[in-house]
Structure formats: structure tokens, C-alpha cells
Amino acid sequence: MEWKLSSLANWFLFLFCLNILDILVTNPAYEANPFTLYMWGNVGIFLSAWIKIGQVLSFGVLCALVKKVAKPTEWRFARRMLLGALVVLVAFYLFVVVWNVFLRVSLPL
């Protein structure tokens, strides 16, 4: 039985949706990330949300550029590296979204 890697596009779309969901369910009163608090203080919550979305979109552009530039033999390695990064990012965002939803449900505003 051969194990087939799933598409990078599916993982990227899942990451993008989790990123949007993370922005929607984040409660600023319970934010623990000092970098996020600093960014919110300097540029505001809405601009920092757009920056966050832009970072994920930039990663998607990077994936597309690597696929276009890489030779077929290089693409196999690059695809595994990009897929590994996507899986780690999806796992992190999944944890963050679940944690934010838990905080929203269990703690008063």
C-alpha cells in the first residue's frame, strides 16, 4: 500500500480558514502573546488582523513560487518541506482556535 501526500492547496485553505477563525474568536482581554499585544497597541487590532491574513497569503504565494521554480526532482523535497510547515501551522492554529473558543465559552467578557 502506497502512502500518498495530500495536496498543499487543501492544507493551505484549511490554514487560511483557521487564520480567519482565529481572528474572529480572539478575545483581546485574554490575549497572552506579548508580541500580539504590542502590535495591537501600535497599529490596532484591525490592521494587525490584516497583517496576519497577509502573512498566510504570503506563505501561499511562496508555495506557488516554489512549485513554479523548482525542477521535478527538487519539487518532491520542497513539497515535503512545505507540507511539513503547513501541517505544523495548521496544528498550531487549530490549538489556538480551540483555546480561544474555550475561553469565550467559559470565561465572562
C-alpha atoms as a PDB file:
ATOM      1  CA  MET A   1       0.000   0.000   0.000  1.00  0.00           C
ATOM      2  CA  GLU A   2       1.443   3.355  -1.046  1.00  0.00           C
ATOM      3  CA  TRP A   3       1.056   6.421   1.133  1.00  0.00           C
ATOM      4  CA  LYS A   4       0.169   9.476  -0.921  1.00  0.00           C
ATOM      5  CA  LEU A   5       0.799  13.020   0.255  1.00  0.00           C
ATOM      6  CA  SER A   6      -2.228  15.244   0.220  1.00  0.00           C
ATOM      7  CA  SER A   7      -2.424  18.456  -1.727  1.00  0.00           C
ATOM      8  CA  LEU A   8      -0.711  21.578  -0.461  1.00  0.00           C
ATOM      9  CA  ALA A   9      -3.722  23.592  -1.595  1.00  0.00           C
ATOM     10  CA  ASN A  10      -6.050  21.725   0.775  1.00  0.00           C
ATOM     11  CA  TRP A  11      -3.737  22.321   3.731  1.00  0.00           C
ATOM     12  CA  PHE A  12      -3.281  25.955   2.765  1.00  0.00           C
ATOM     13  CA  LEU A  13      -7.030  26.564   2.509  1.00  0.00           C
ATOM     14  CA  PHE A  14      -7.535  24.922   5.902  1.00  0.00           C
ATOM     15  CA  LEU A  15      -4.781  27.138   7.350  1.00  0.00           C
ATOM     16  CA  PHE A  16      -6.363  30.229   5.811  1.00  0.00           C
ATOM     17  CA  CYS A  17      -9.788  29.358   7.243  1.00  0.00           C
ATOM     18  CA  LEU A  18      -8.272  28.708  10.680  1.00  0.00           C
ATOM     19  CA  ASN A  19      -6.474  32.059  10.478  1.00  0.00           C
ATOM     20  CA  ILE A  20      -9.754  33.872   9.786  1.00  0.00           C
ATOM     21  CA  LEU A  21     -11.476  31.905  12.544  1.00  0.00           C
ATOM     22  CA  ASP A  22      -8.650  32.759  14.947  1.00  0.00           C
ATOM     23  CA  ILE A  23      -9.143  36.455  14.227  1.00  0.00           C
ATOM     24  CA  LEU A  24     -12.886  36.171  14.783  1.00  0.00           C
ATOM     25  CA  VAL A  25     -12.749  34.293  18.102  1.00  0.00           C
ATOM     26  CA  THR A  26      -9.766  36.052  19.712  1.00  0.00           C
ATOM     27  CA  ASN A  27     -10.717  37.870  22.877  1.00  0.00           C
ATOM     28  CA  PRO A  28      -8.311  40.796  23.476  1.00  0.00           C
ATOM     29  CA  ALA A  29      -8.957  40.701  27.228  1.00  0.00           C
ATOM     30  CA  TYR A  30      -7.378  37.229  27.498  1.00  0.00           C
ATOM     31  CA  GLU A  31      -4.539  37.556  24.974  1.00  0.00           C
ATOM     32  CA  ALA A  32      -1.287  36.201  26.425  1.00  0.00           C
ATOM     33  CA  ASN A  33       1.087  36.753  23.489  1.00  0.00           C
ATOM     34  CA  PRO A  34       3.190  39.850  24.279  1.00  0.00           C
ATOM     35  CA  PHE A  35       4.079  40.409  20.608  1.00  0.00           C
ATOM     36  CA  THR A  36       0.393  40.456  19.672  1.00  0.00           C
ATOM     37  CA  LEU A  37      -0.392  42.883  22.490  1.00  0.00           C
ATOM     38  CA  TYR A  38       2.462  45.140  21.373  1.00  0.00           C
ATOM     39  CA  MET A  39       1.267  45.024  17.768  1.00  0.00           C
ATOM     40  CA  TRP A  40      -2.327  45.770  18.800  1.00  0.00           C
ATOM     41  CA  GLY A  41      -1.090  48.738  20.825  1.00  0.00           C
ATOM     42  CA  ASN A  42       0.908  50.200  17.936  1.00  0.00           C
ATOM     43  CA  VAL A  43      -1.171  49.503  14.822  1.00  0.00           C
ATOM     44  CA  GLY A  44      -4.554  48.487  16.194  1.00  0.00           C
ATOM     45  CA  ILE A  45      -6.468  45.238  16.180  1.00  0.00           C
ATOM     46  CA  PHE A  46      -7.945  45.555  12.683  1.00  0.00           C
ATOM     47  CA  LEU A  47      -4.685  46.385  10.912  1.00  0.00           C
ATOM     48  CA  SER A  48      -2.902  43.596  12.773  1.00  0.00           C
ATOM     49  CA  ALA A  49      -5.642  41.198  11.595  1.00  0.00           C
ATOM     50  CA  TRP A  50      -4.954  42.233   8.004  1.00  0.00           C
ATOM     51  CA  ILE A  51      -1.223  41.754   8.593  1.00  0.00           C
ATOM     52  CA  LYS A  52      -1.930  38.264   9.942  1.00  0.00           C
ATOM     53  CA  ILE A  53      -4.028  37.413   6.882  1.00  0.00           C
ATOM     54  CA  GLY A  54      -1.299  38.849   4.657  1.00  0.00           C
ATOM     55  CA  GLN A  55       1.310  36.610   6.263  1.00  0.00           C
ATOM     56  CA  VAL A  56      -0.696  33.491   5.475  1.00  0.00           C
ATOM     57  CA  LEU A  57      -1.329  34.684   1.919  1.00  0.00           C
ATOM     58  CA  SER A  58       2.391  35.411   1.517  1.00  0.00           C
ATOM     59  CA  PHE A  59       3.147  31.847   2.561  1.00  0.00           C
ATOM     60  CA  GLY A  60       0.696  30.653  -0.094  1.00  0.00           C
ATOM     61  CA  VAL A  61       2.452  32.779  -2.721  1.00  0.00           C
ATOM     62  CA  LEU A  62       5.770  31.327  -1.577  1.00  0.00           C
ATOM     63  CA  CYS A  63       4.393  27.795  -2.045  1.00  0.00           C
ATOM     64  CA  ALA A  64       3.181  28.661  -5.551  1.00  0.00           C
ATOM     65  CA  LEU A  65       6.508  30.253  -6.494  1.00  0.00           C
ATOM     66  CA  VAL A  66       8.490  27.277  -5.229  1.00  0.00           C
ATOM     67  CA  LYS A  67       6.315  24.950  -7.291  1.00  0.00           C
ATOM     68  CA  LYS A  68       6.808  27.075 -10.393  1.00  0.00           C
ATOM     69  CA  VAL A  69      10.578  27.473  -9.984  1.00  0.00           C
ATOM     70  CA  ALA A  70      11.553  24.017  -8.690  1.00  0.00           C
ATOM     71  CA  LYS A  71      12.572  21.223 -11.004  1.00  0.00           C
ATOM     72  CA  PRO A  72      10.583  17.974 -10.692  1.00  0.00           C
ATOM     73  CA  THR A  73      13.339  16.320  -8.669  1.00  0.00           C
ATOM     74  CA  GLU A  74      13.619  19.342  -6.376  1.00  0.00           C
ATOM     75  CA  TRP A  75       9.850  19.671  -6.082  1.00  0.00           C
ATOM     76  CA  ARG A  76       9.473  16.362  -4.242  1.00  0.00           C
ATOM     77  CA  PHE A  77      11.755  17.574  -1.459  1.00  0.00           C
ATOM     78  CA  ALA A  78      10.355  21.117  -1.437  1.00  0.00           C
ATOM     79  CA  ARG A  79       6.799  19.783  -1.327  1.00  0.00           C
ATOM     80  CA  ARG A  80       7.561  17.668   1.717  1.00  0.00           C
ATOM     81  CA  MET A  81       9.190  20.630   3.452  1.00  0.00           C
ATOM     82  CA  LEU A  82       6.284  22.958   2.658  1.00  0.00           C
ATOM     83  CA  LEU A  83       3.745  20.314   3.645  1.00  0.00           C
ATOM     84  CA  GLY A  84       5.553  19.813   6.945  1.00  0.00           C
ATOM     85  CA  ALA A  85       5.451  23.546   7.638  1.00  0.00           C
ATOM     86  CA  LEU A  86       1.758  23.667   6.716  1.00  0.00           C
ATOM     87  CA  VAL A  87       0.904  20.753   8.998  1.00  0.00           C
ATOM     88  CA  VAL A  88       2.706  22.409  11.921  1.00  0.00           C
ATOM     89  CA  LEU A  89       0.956  25.744  11.254  1.00  0.00           C
ATOM     90  CA  VAL A  90      -2.445  24.064  10.948  1.00  0.00           C
ATOM     91  CA  ALA A  91      -1.885  22.192  14.221  1.00  0.00           C
ATOM     92  CA  PHE A  92      -0.860  25.416  15.962  1.00  0.00           C
ATOM     93  CA  TYR A  93      -3.822  27.411  14.634  1.00  0.00           C
ATOM     94  CA  LEU A  94      -6.194  24.562  15.472  1.00  0.00           C
ATOM     95  CA  PHE A  95      -4.944  24.607  19.052  1.00  0.00           C
ATOM     96  CA  VAL A  96      -5.235  28.415  19.228  1.00  0.00           C
ATOM     97  CA  VAL A  97      -8.775  28.434  17.819  1.00  0.00           C
ATOM     98  CA  VAL A  98      -9.928  25.681  20.184  1.00  0.00           C
ATOM     99  CA  TRP A  99      -8.337  27.504  23.112  1.00  0.00           C
ATOM    100  CA  ASN A 100      -9.953  30.837  22.127  1.00  0.00           C
ATOM    101  CA  VAL A 101     -13.356  29.194  21.752  1.00  0.00           C
ATOM    102  CA  PHE A 102     -12.910  27.553  25.161  1.00  0.00           C
ATOM    103  CA  LEU A 103     -12.066  30.952  26.685  1.00  0.00           C
ATOM    104  CA  ARG A 104     -15.052  32.603  25.001  1.00  0.00           C
ATOM    105  CA  VAL A 105     -17.449  29.956  26.268  1.00  0.00           C
ATOM    106  CA  SER A 106     -16.115  29.500  29.794  1.00  0.00           C
ATOM    107  CA  LEU A 107     -14.978  32.994  30.840  1.00  0.00           C
ATOM    108  CA  PRO A 108     -17.138  36.099  31.094  1.00  0.00           C
ATOM    109  CA  LEU A 109     -16.265  39.096  28.934  1.00  0.00           C
END
